Amino acid sequence: MRVLEFFKMKRWSGFVAGSLTGIAAALSCLAAEKVMGASGGFESCVSILVSLFNLDISRTVYFIRVKPPVADYQTLQFIGMIAGAFLAAKFSGDFKLRWFPDKVWLPLFGASRVKRLTALFFGCVLLQIGASIAGGCTSGLGITGVFLLSPAGLLFITGVFSAGIITALLIYGRKY
């Protein structure tokens, strides 16, 4: 299989994707001496936007000392993940804009776009708050933390899987 054909595949083996993610985490630690993580990059992007628009919250201690408006390693990594996901979808021919996941969302929650966007917004807010409290996100704590055998990473990934299983059972039952 040629390299370009490989990138056009619609579904990748979990073993291949997981192995490549592990290699990326190792290279990030070895070559750049930085850990992988998306939540820090997201916070940096927010900090940059807040300072660009000169909002009052840009003068808070958090945006001055903890996350100043600087494009750092995690910011570039965050932008790279978005660009990589877009390119992967384009190469595989799966890219399309849509409002609802057809088979899952509609039967359970209906067709309201407002409900969908509200759930999306509050889910993202909760995810970011959780990542801030935990000291990292799934990529930072879950991948790099486990890769480095960090107790916080192991505890975090155990909690993520446990909460995911419980949430899926509560929302979807045994329908899917």
N, C-alpha and C. Protein backbone atom coordinates (compact mmCIF):
# COMPACT_ATOMS: atom_id res chain seq x y z
N MET A 1 0.85 -1.18 0.00
CA MET A 1 0.00 0.00 0.00
C MET A 1 0.90 1.24 0.00
N ARG A 2 0.61 2.14 -0.91
CA ARG A 2 1.39 3.37 -0.98
C ARG A 2 1.04 4.29 0.17
N VAL A 3 1.93 5.20 0.50
CA VAL A 3 1.74 6.08 1.65
C VAL A 3 0.48 6.93 1.49
N LEU A 4 0.27 7.49 0.31
CA LEU A 4 -0.91 8.33 0.10
C LEU A 4 -2.20 7.52 0.26
N GLU A 5 -2.18 6.28 -0.20
CA GLU A 5 -3.35 5.41 -0.03
C GLU A 5 -3.65 5.18 1.46
N PHE A 6 -2.59 5.04 2.25
CA PHE A 6 -2.74 4.82 3.68
C PHE A 6 -3.49 5.98 4.33
N PHE A 7 -3.17 7.21 3.93
CA PHE A 7 -3.82 8.38 4.52
C PHE A 7 -5.24 8.59 4.01
N LYS A 8 -5.62 7.91 2.95
CA LYS A 8 -6.97 8.03 2.42
C LYS A 8 -7.94 7.02 3.03
N MET A 9 -7.44 6.13 3.88
CA MET A 9 -8.32 5.13 4.49
C MET A 9 -9.36 5.81 5.37
N LYS A 10 -10.59 5.29 5.32
CA LYS A 10 -11.67 5.87 6.12
C LYS A 10 -11.55 5.47 7.59
N ARG A 11 -11.14 4.27 7.86
CA ARG A 11 -10.99 3.80 9.24
C ARG A 11 -9.59 3.24 9.44
N TRP A 12 -8.99 3.67 10.53
CA TRP A 12 -7.66 3.17 10.88
C TRP A 12 -7.80 2.16 12.00
N SER A 13 -6.92 1.21 12.02
CA SER A 13 -6.86 0.26 13.12
C SER A 13 -6.55 1.01 14.41
N GLY A 14 -7.22 0.64 15.49
CA GLY A 14 -6.93 1.25 16.79
C GLY A 14 -5.49 1.03 17.21
N PHE A 15 -4.94 -0.11 16.82
CA PHE A 15 -3.55 -0.41 17.15
C PHE A 15 -2.59 0.53 16.41
N VAL A 16 -2.88 0.81 15.14
CA VAL A 16 -2.03 1.71 14.36
C VAL A 16 -2.15 3.13 14.89
N ALA A 17 -3.39 3.60 15.08
CA ALA A 17 -3.61 4.97 15.57
C ALA A 17 -3.01 5.14 16.96
N GLY A 18 -3.21 4.16 17.83
CA GLY A 18 -2.66 4.22 19.18
C GLY A 18 -1.14 4.21 19.18
N SER A 19 -0.57 3.38 18.33
CA SER A 19 0.89 3.32 18.22
C SER A 19 1.46 4.64 17.72
N LEU A 20 0.83 5.21 16.71
CA LEU A 20 1.30 6.50 16.18
C LEU A 20 1.16 7.61 17.22
N THR A 21 0.09 7.57 18.01
CA THR A 21 -0.08 8.55 19.08
C THR A 21 1.01 8.39 20.13
N GLY A 22 1.32 7.15 20.49
CA GLY A 22 2.39 6.89 21.44
C GLY A 22 3.74 7.37 20.93
N ILE A 23 3.99 7.15 19.64
CA ILE A 23 5.25 7.61 19.04
C ILE A 23 5.30 9.14 19.07
N ALA A 24 4.17 9.78 18.75
CA ALA A 24 4.12 11.25 18.79
C ALA A 24 4.38 11.77 20.21
N ALA A 25 3.80 11.09 21.22
CA ALA A 25 4.02 11.49 22.62
C ALA A 25 5.49 11.34 23.00
N ALA A 26 6.09 10.23 22.57
CA ALA A 26 7.51 9.99 22.88
C ALA A 26 8.39 11.03 22.20
N LEU A 27 8.12 11.32 20.93
CA LEU A 27 8.91 12.32 20.21
C LEU A 27 8.74 13.71 20.81
N SER A 28 7.53 14.01 21.25
CA SER A 28 7.27 15.30 21.89
C SER A 28 8.11 15.44 23.15
N CYS A 29 8.17 14.38 23.94
CA CYS A 29 8.97 14.40 25.18
C CYS A 29 10.47 14.44 24.89
N LEU A 30 10.91 13.63 23.93
CA LEU A 30 12.34 13.52 23.66
C LEU A 30 12.89 14.70 22.85
N ALA A 31 12.21 15.06 21.78
CA ALA A 31 12.75 16.08 20.88
C ALA A 31 12.50 17.50 21.38
N ALA A 32 11.28 17.77 21.86
CA ALA A 32 10.93 19.13 22.26
C ALA A 32 10.97 19.32 23.77
N GLU A 33 11.13 18.22 24.51
CA GLU A 33 11.09 18.26 25.96
C GLU A 33 9.80 18.89 26.47
N LYS A 34 8.72 18.60 25.76
CA LYS A 34 7.38 19.09 26.13
C LYS A 34 6.42 17.91 26.10
N VAL A 35 5.39 17.97 26.92
CA VAL A 35 4.38 16.92 26.90
C VAL A 35 3.24 17.32 25.98
N MET A 36 2.54 16.30 25.47
CA MET A 36 1.37 16.56 24.63
C MET A 36 0.25 17.07 25.51
N GLY A 37 -0.60 17.92 24.95
CA GLY A 37 -1.75 18.41 25.69
C GLY A 37 -2.53 19.42 24.87
N ALA A 38 -3.84 19.29 24.87
CA ALA A 38 -4.68 20.18 24.08
C ALA A 38 -5.32 21.28 24.92
N SER A 39 -5.62 21.01 26.18
CA SER A 39 -6.34 22.01 26.98
C SER A 39 -5.49 23.25 27.22
N GLY A 40 -4.19 23.09 27.41
CA GLY A 40 -3.31 24.25 27.58
C GLY A 40 -3.28 25.11 26.33
N GLY A 41 -3.26 24.47 25.16
CA GLY A 41 -3.29 25.22 23.91
C GLY A 41 -4.60 25.96 23.72
N PHE A 42 -5.70 25.32 24.12
CA PHE A 42 -7.00 25.97 24.04
C PHE A 42 -7.03 27.19 24.95
N GLU A 43 -6.52 27.04 26.17
CA GLU A 43 -6.48 28.16 27.11
C GLU A 43 -5.61 29.28 26.58
N SER A 44 -4.49 28.95 25.95
CA SER A 44 -3.63 29.98 25.37
C SER A 44 -4.33 30.72 24.23
N CYS A 45 -5.07 29.98 23.39
CA CYS A 45 -5.83 30.62 22.30
C CYS A 45 -6.89 31.56 22.86
N VAL A 46 -7.57 31.14 23.92
CA VAL A 46 -8.57 32.01 24.56
C VAL A 46 -7.88 33.25 25.11
N SER A 47 -6.74 33.07 25.76
CA SER A 47 -6.00 34.20 26.33
C SER A 47 -5.59 35.19 25.24
N ILE A 48 -5.14 34.67 24.10
CA ILE A 48 -4.76 35.54 22.99
C ILE A 48 -5.97 36.31 22.46
N LEU A 49 -7.11 35.62 22.29
CA LEU A 49 -8.33 36.28 21.81
C LEU A 49 -8.83 37.33 22.79
N VAL A 50 -8.80 37.01 24.08
CA VAL A 50 -9.25 37.95 25.11
C VAL A 50 -8.39 39.20 25.09
N SER A 51 -7.07 39.03 24.95
CA SER A 51 -6.19 40.21 24.93
C SER A 51 -6.35 41.00 23.63
N LEU A 52 -6.61 40.32 22.50
CA LEU A 52 -6.81 41.03 21.23
C LEU A 52 -8.03 41.94 21.28
N PHE A 53 -9.09 41.46 21.93
CA PHE A 53 -10.32 42.25 22.02
C PHE A 53 -10.33 43.15 23.25
N ASN A 54 -9.23 43.13 24.01
CA ASN A 54 -9.05 43.99 25.18
C ASN A 54 -10.23 43.90 26.15
N LEU A 55 -10.66 42.68 26.42
CA LEU A 55 -11.77 42.47 27.34
C LEU A 55 -11.29 42.65 28.78
N ASP A 56 -12.20 43.00 29.66
CA ASP A 56 -11.85 43.24 31.06
C ASP A 56 -11.19 42.03 31.72
N ILE A 57 -11.61 40.83 31.34
CA ILE A 57 -11.05 39.66 31.99
C ILE A 57 -9.58 39.43 31.64
N SER A 58 -9.06 40.15 30.61
CA SER A 58 -7.66 39.98 30.25
C SER A 58 -6.74 40.55 31.33
N ARG A 59 -7.30 41.35 32.24
CA ARG A 59 -6.50 41.93 33.30
C ARG A 59 -6.61 41.14 34.61
N THR A 60 -7.13 39.92 34.55
CA THR A 60 -7.22 39.08 35.74
C THR A 60 -5.89 38.36 35.98
N VAL A 61 -5.71 37.89 37.20
CA VAL A 61 -4.48 37.20 37.57
C VAL A 61 -4.27 35.98 36.67
N TYR A 62 -5.35 35.27 36.33
CA TYR A 62 -5.21 34.06 35.53
C TYR A 62 -4.57 34.37 34.18
N PHE A 63 -5.08 35.40 33.49
CA PHE A 63 -4.56 35.71 32.16
C PHE A 63 -3.26 36.49 32.20
N ILE A 64 -2.88 36.99 33.37
CA ILE A 64 -1.60 37.69 33.48
C ILE A 64 -0.48 36.72 33.87
N ARG A 65 -0.74 35.87 34.86
CA ARG A 65 0.33 35.01 35.41
C ARG A 65 0.27 33.56 34.95
N VAL A 66 -0.94 32.98 34.90
CA VAL A 66 -1.05 31.56 34.59
C VAL A 66 -1.01 31.31 33.08
N LYS A 67 -1.84 31.98 32.34
CA LYS A 67 -1.92 31.80 30.89
C LYS A 67 -1.84 33.15 30.18
N PRO A 68 -0.65 33.73 30.12
CA PRO A 68 -0.51 34.99 29.38
C PRO A 68 -0.73 34.75 27.88
N PRO A 69 -1.08 35.78 27.14
CA PRO A 69 -1.36 35.61 25.71
C PRO A 69 -0.10 35.38 24.88
N VAL A 70 0.39 34.14 24.90
CA VAL A 70 1.61 33.78 24.19
C VAL A 70 1.34 32.53 23.36
N ALA A 71 1.79 32.54 22.12
CA ALA A 71 1.67 31.34 21.28
C ALA A 71 2.83 30.42 21.63
N ASP A 72 2.55 29.44 22.51
CA ASP A 72 3.59 28.53 22.97
C ASP A 72 3.47 27.18 22.26
N TYR A 73 4.23 26.20 22.73
CA TYR A 73 4.26 24.87 22.13
C TYR A 73 2.86 24.25 22.08
N GLN A 74 2.12 24.33 23.20
CA GLN A 74 0.80 23.71 23.24
C GLN A 74 -0.20 24.43 22.32
N THR A 75 -0.03 25.73 22.13
CA THR A 75 -0.89 26.46 21.20
C THR A 75 -0.68 25.95 19.78
N LEU A 76 0.58 25.81 19.40
CA LEU A 76 0.89 25.30 18.06
C LEU A 76 0.42 23.86 17.90
N GLN A 77 0.55 23.07 18.95
CA GLN A 77 0.08 21.69 18.91
C GLN A 77 -1.44 21.64 18.76
N PHE A 78 -2.14 22.51 19.47
CA PHE A 78 -3.60 22.58 19.39
C PHE A 78 -4.04 22.94 17.96
N ILE A 79 -3.42 23.93 17.38
CA ILE A 79 -3.73 24.33 16.00
C ILE A 79 -3.40 23.19 15.04
N GLY A 80 -2.28 22.50 15.29
CA GLY A 80 -1.89 21.36 14.45
C GLY A 80 -2.88 20.22 14.52
N MET A 81 -3.45 19.98 15.72
CA MET A 81 -4.46 18.91 15.84
C MET A 81 -5.71 19.23 15.04
N ILE A 82 -6.13 20.49 15.09
CA ILE A 82 -7.32 20.89 14.32
C ILE A 82 -7.03 20.75 12.82
N ALA A 83 -5.87 21.25 12.39
CA ALA A 83 -5.50 21.16 10.98
C ALA A 83 -5.35 19.70 10.55
N GLY A 84 -4.76 18.87 11.40
CA GLY A 84 -4.58 17.45 11.08
C GLY A 84 -5.91 16.72 10.96
N ALA A 85 -6.85 17.03 11.85
CA ALA A 85 -8.17 16.40 11.78
C ALA A 85 -8.89 16.81 10.49
N PHE A 86 -8.77 18.08 10.13
CA PHE A 86 -9.39 18.57 8.90
C PHE A 86 -8.78 17.87 7.68
N LEU A 87 -7.45 17.79 7.64
CA LEU A 87 -6.79 17.15 6.50
C LEU A 87 -7.11 15.66 6.42
N ALA A 88 -7.18 15.01 7.56
CA ALA A 88 -7.53 13.58 7.57
C ALA A 88 -8.94 13.37 7.02
N ALA A 89 -9.87 14.22 7.41
CA ALA A 89 -11.24 14.11 6.91
C ALA A 89 -11.30 14.39 5.41
N LYS A 90 -10.54 15.38 4.95
CA LYS A 90 -10.52 15.70 3.52
C LYS A 90 -9.89 14.56 2.71
N PHE A 91 -8.75 14.04 3.17
CA PHE A 91 -8.07 12.95 2.45
C PHE A 91 -8.95 11.71 2.36
N SER A 92 -9.68 11.39 3.44
CA SER A 92 -10.48 10.16 3.44
C SER A 92 -11.82 10.36 2.73
N GLY A 93 -12.15 11.60 2.38
CA GLY A 93 -13.42 11.87 1.72
C GLY A 93 -14.61 11.93 2.67
N ASP A 94 -14.34 11.98 3.97
CA ASP A 94 -15.42 12.00 4.96
C ASP A 94 -15.83 13.40 5.40
N PHE A 95 -15.14 14.42 4.95
CA PHE A 95 -15.43 15.76 5.44
C PHE A 95 -16.79 16.24 4.93
N LYS A 96 -17.62 16.66 5.88
CA LYS A 96 -18.89 17.29 5.53
C LYS A 96 -19.37 18.06 6.75
N LEU A 97 -20.02 19.15 6.51
CA LEU A 97 -20.60 19.93 7.60
C LEU A 97 -22.00 19.41 7.85
N ARG A 98 -22.30 19.14 9.11
CA ARG A 98 -23.63 18.67 9.45
C ARG A 98 -23.98 19.14 10.86
N TRP A 99 -25.25 19.20 11.14
CA TRP A 99 -25.70 19.68 12.44
C TRP A 99 -25.85 18.56 13.45
N PHE A 100 -26.22 17.39 13.01
CA PHE A 100 -26.55 16.32 13.94
C PHE A 100 -25.89 15.01 13.53
N PRO A 101 -25.45 14.23 14.51
CA PRO A 101 -25.10 12.86 14.19
C PRO A 101 -26.41 12.11 13.97
N ASP A 102 -26.66 11.73 12.77
CA ASP A 102 -27.98 11.24 12.36
C ASP A 102 -28.52 10.10 13.22
N LYS A 103 -27.72 9.07 13.46
CA LYS A 103 -28.25 7.85 14.07
C LYS A 103 -28.35 7.92 15.59
N VAL A 104 -27.61 8.80 16.23
CA VAL A 104 -27.58 8.81 17.69
C VAL A 104 -28.38 9.97 18.28
N TRP A 105 -28.11 11.17 17.83
CA TRP A 105 -28.71 12.35 18.46
C TRP A 105 -30.21 12.47 18.21
N LEU A 106 -30.63 12.37 16.97
CA LEU A 106 -32.02 12.64 16.60
C LEU A 106 -33.06 11.79 17.35
N PRO A 107 -32.92 10.47 17.41
CA PRO A 107 -33.95 9.69 18.10
C PRO A 107 -34.04 9.98 19.60
N LEU A 108 -32.93 10.35 20.21
CA LEU A 108 -32.92 10.55 21.65
C LEU A 108 -33.27 11.97 22.08
N PHE A 109 -32.82 12.97 21.30
CA PHE A 109 -32.96 14.35 21.74
C PHE A 109 -33.75 15.24 20.80
N GLY A 110 -34.12 14.75 19.63
CA GLY A 110 -34.90 15.57 18.70
C GLY A 110 -34.03 16.36 17.76
N ALA A 111 -34.68 17.23 16.97
CA ALA A 111 -33.99 17.94 15.89
C ALA A 111 -33.69 19.41 16.21
N SER A 112 -33.82 19.84 17.45
CA SER A 112 -33.59 21.24 17.81
C SER A 112 -32.12 21.60 17.71
N ARG A 113 -31.80 22.56 16.85
CA ARG A 113 -30.42 23.02 16.71
C ARG A 113 -29.98 23.79 17.95
N VAL A 114 -30.90 24.51 18.56
CA VAL A 114 -30.58 25.26 19.78
C VAL A 114 -30.19 24.29 20.89
N LYS A 115 -30.94 23.21 21.05
CA LYS A 115 -30.62 22.20 22.07
C LYS A 115 -29.26 21.58 21.78
N ARG A 116 -28.99 21.30 20.53
CA ARG A 116 -27.70 20.70 20.14
C ARG A 116 -26.54 21.63 20.46
N LEU A 117 -26.65 22.91 20.07
CA LEU A 117 -25.56 23.86 20.30
C LEU A 117 -25.40 24.17 21.79
N THR A 118 -26.50 24.21 22.53
CA THR A 118 -26.43 24.44 23.98
C THR A 118 -25.72 23.28 24.66
N ALA A 119 -26.09 22.05 24.31
CA ALA A 119 -25.44 20.88 24.89
C ALA A 119 -23.95 20.85 24.53
N LEU A 120 -23.64 21.20 23.29
CA LEU A 120 -22.25 21.24 22.84
C LEU A 120 -21.45 22.27 23.63
N PHE A 121 -22.01 23.47 23.80
CA PHE A 121 -21.32 24.54 24.51
C PHE A 121 -21.06 24.15 25.96
N PHE A 122 -22.10 23.71 26.67
CA PHE A 122 -21.93 23.38 28.08
C PHE A 122 -21.06 22.13 28.28
N GLY A 123 -21.12 21.20 27.34
CA GLY A 123 -20.24 20.04 27.41
C GLY A 123 -18.78 20.46 27.29
N CYS A 124 -18.50 21.38 26.38
CA CYS A 124 -17.13 21.88 26.21
C CYS A 124 -16.66 22.65 27.43
N VAL A 125 -17.55 23.46 28.00
CA VAL A 125 -17.20 24.21 29.21
C VAL A 125 -16.86 23.25 30.35
N LEU A 126 -17.72 22.24 30.55
CA LEU A 126 -17.46 21.25 31.61
C LEU A 126 -16.16 20.49 31.37
N LEU A 127 -15.90 20.16 30.12
CA LEU A 127 -14.66 19.45 29.78
C LEU A 127 -13.44 20.29 30.11
N GLN A 128 -13.48 21.57 29.77
CA GLN A 128 -12.35 22.46 30.04
C GLN A 128 -12.17 22.70 31.53
N ILE A 129 -13.27 22.84 32.27
CA ILE A 129 -13.18 23.01 33.72
C ILE A 129 -12.57 21.75 34.34
N GLY A 130 -13.04 20.58 33.90
CA GLY A 130 -12.49 19.33 34.40
C GLY A 130 -11.00 19.19 34.10
N ALA A 131 -10.60 19.59 32.90
CA ALA A 131 -9.18 19.51 32.52
C ALA A 131 -8.35 20.45 33.38
N SER A 132 -8.89 21.62 33.69
CA SER A 132 -8.17 22.57 34.53
C SER A 132 -8.03 22.05 35.96
N ILE A 133 -9.10 21.47 36.49
CA ILE A 133 -9.06 20.93 37.84
C ILE A 133 -8.11 19.74 37.92
N ALA A 134 -8.15 18.87 36.92
CA ALA A 134 -7.34 17.66 36.92
C ALA A 134 -5.86 17.94 36.64
N GLY A 135 -5.58 19.11 36.10
CA GLY A 135 -4.19 19.42 35.78
C GLY A 135 -3.79 18.99 34.38
N GLY A 136 -4.77 18.73 33.54
CA GLY A 136 -4.48 18.34 32.16
C GLY A 136 -5.69 17.68 31.53
N CYS A 137 -5.60 17.48 30.23
CA CYS A 137 -6.71 16.90 29.47
C CYS A 137 -6.39 15.45 29.13
N THR A 138 -7.21 14.87 28.30
CA THR A 138 -7.02 13.48 27.92
C THR A 138 -5.67 13.26 27.25
N SER A 139 -5.26 14.19 26.41
CA SER A 139 -3.96 14.01 25.75
C SER A 139 -2.81 14.28 26.71
N GLY A 140 -2.95 15.28 27.56
CA GLY A 140 -1.87 15.61 28.49
C GLY A 140 -1.73 14.59 29.61
N LEU A 141 -2.81 14.36 30.33
CA LEU A 141 -2.75 13.41 31.45
C LEU A 141 -2.94 11.98 30.98
N GLY A 142 -3.90 11.77 30.08
CA GLY A 142 -4.23 10.41 29.67
C GLY A 142 -3.17 9.74 28.84
N ILE A 143 -2.65 10.43 27.85
CA ILE A 143 -1.66 9.82 26.96
C ILE A 143 -0.26 9.99 27.52
N THR A 144 0.15 11.24 27.72
CA THR A 144 1.51 11.48 28.19
C THR A 144 1.68 11.02 29.64
N GLY A 145 0.67 11.24 30.48
CA GLY A 145 0.76 10.82 31.88
C GLY A 145 0.90 9.32 32.03
N VAL A 146 0.14 8.57 31.25
CA VAL A 146 0.26 7.11 31.29
C VAL A 146 1.59 6.68 30.67
N PHE A 147 1.98 7.33 29.58
CA PHE A 147 3.25 7.04 28.92
C PHE A 147 4.43 7.20 29.89
N LEU A 148 4.34 8.21 30.77
CA LEU A 148 5.40 8.47 31.74
C LEU A 148 5.14 7.76 33.08
N LEU A 149 4.08 6.94 33.13
CA LEU A 149 3.68 6.20 34.34
C LEU A 149 3.42 7.13 35.53
N SER A 150 2.84 8.29 35.24
CA SER A 150 2.49 9.24 36.28
C SER A 150 1.26 8.74 37.05
N PRO A 151 1.30 8.73 38.39
CA PRO A 151 0.11 8.32 39.15
C PRO A 151 -1.12 9.16 38.80
N ALA A 152 -0.93 10.47 38.60
CA ALA A 152 -2.05 11.34 38.23
C ALA A 152 -2.63 10.91 36.88
N GLY A 153 -1.78 10.55 35.93
CA GLY A 153 -2.24 10.11 34.62
C GLY A 153 -3.02 8.82 34.69
N LEU A 154 -2.51 7.86 35.47
CA LEU A 154 -3.19 6.57 35.62
C LEU A 154 -4.55 6.74 36.32
N LEU A 155 -4.59 7.58 37.34
CA LEU A 155 -5.85 7.85 38.04
C LEU A 155 -6.84 8.56 37.11
N PHE A 156 -6.32 9.52 36.35
CA PHE A 156 -7.16 10.29 35.43
C PHE A 156 -7.80 9.39 34.37
N ILE A 157 -6.99 8.54 33.74
CA ILE A 157 -7.52 7.71 32.65
C ILE A 157 -8.50 6.68 33.19
N THR A 158 -8.29 6.20 34.42
CA THR A 158 -9.25 5.30 35.06
C THR A 158 -10.58 6.02 35.27
N GLY A 159 -10.51 7.26 35.73
CA GLY A 159 -11.72 8.05 35.93
C GLY A 159 -12.44 8.37 34.63
N VAL A 160 -11.68 8.67 33.59
CA VAL A 160 -12.28 8.98 32.27
C VAL A 160 -13.05 7.78 31.74
N PHE A 161 -12.43 6.61 31.77
CA PHE A 161 -13.11 5.42 31.25
C PHE A 161 -14.32 5.05 32.11
N SER A 162 -14.18 5.14 33.42
CA SER A 162 -15.31 4.82 34.31
C SER A 162 -16.47 5.77 34.08
N ALA A 163 -16.19 7.07 34.05
CA ALA A 163 -17.24 8.06 33.82
C ALA A 163 -17.87 7.91 32.44
N GLY A 164 -17.05 7.60 31.43
CA GLY A 164 -17.57 7.40 30.08
C GLY A 164 -18.52 6.22 29.99
N ILE A 165 -18.17 5.13 30.63
CA ILE A 165 -19.02 3.94 30.60
C ILE A 165 -20.34 4.22 31.32
N ILE A 166 -20.27 4.84 32.50
CA ILE A 166 -21.48 5.15 33.27
C ILE A 166 -22.36 6.13 32.50
N THR A 167 -21.76 7.17 31.92
CA THR A 167 -22.54 8.16 31.17
C THR A 167 -23.20 7.54 29.95
N ALA A 168 -22.48 6.72 29.21
CA ALA A 168 -23.05 6.06 28.03
C ALA A 168 -24.22 5.17 28.42
N LEU A 169 -24.08 4.44 29.51
CA LEU A 169 -25.19 3.58 29.97
C LEU A 169 -26.39 4.40 30.41
N LEU A 170 -26.15 5.53 31.09
CA LEU A 170 -27.26 6.37 31.54
C LEU A 170 -27.99 7.03 30.38
N ILE A 171 -27.24 7.51 29.40
CA ILE A 171 -27.87 8.22 28.28
C ILE A 171 -28.45 7.27 27.24
N TYR A 172 -27.67 6.28 26.85
CA TYR A 172 -28.08 5.43 25.74
C TYR A 172 -28.62 4.07 26.17
N GLY A 173 -28.42 3.70 27.40
CA GLY A 173 -28.86 2.37 27.83
C GLY A 173 -28.14 1.31 27.03
N ARG A 174 -28.87 0.36 26.57
CA ARG A 174 -28.27 -0.71 25.74
C ARG A 174 -28.74 -0.60 24.30
N LYS A 175 -29.12 0.62 23.87
CA LYS A 175 -29.65 0.80 22.52
C LYS A 175 -28.56 0.72 21.46
N TYR A 176 -27.33 1.13 21.80
CA TYR A 176 -26.28 1.19 20.79
C TYR A 176 -25.11 0.35 21.18
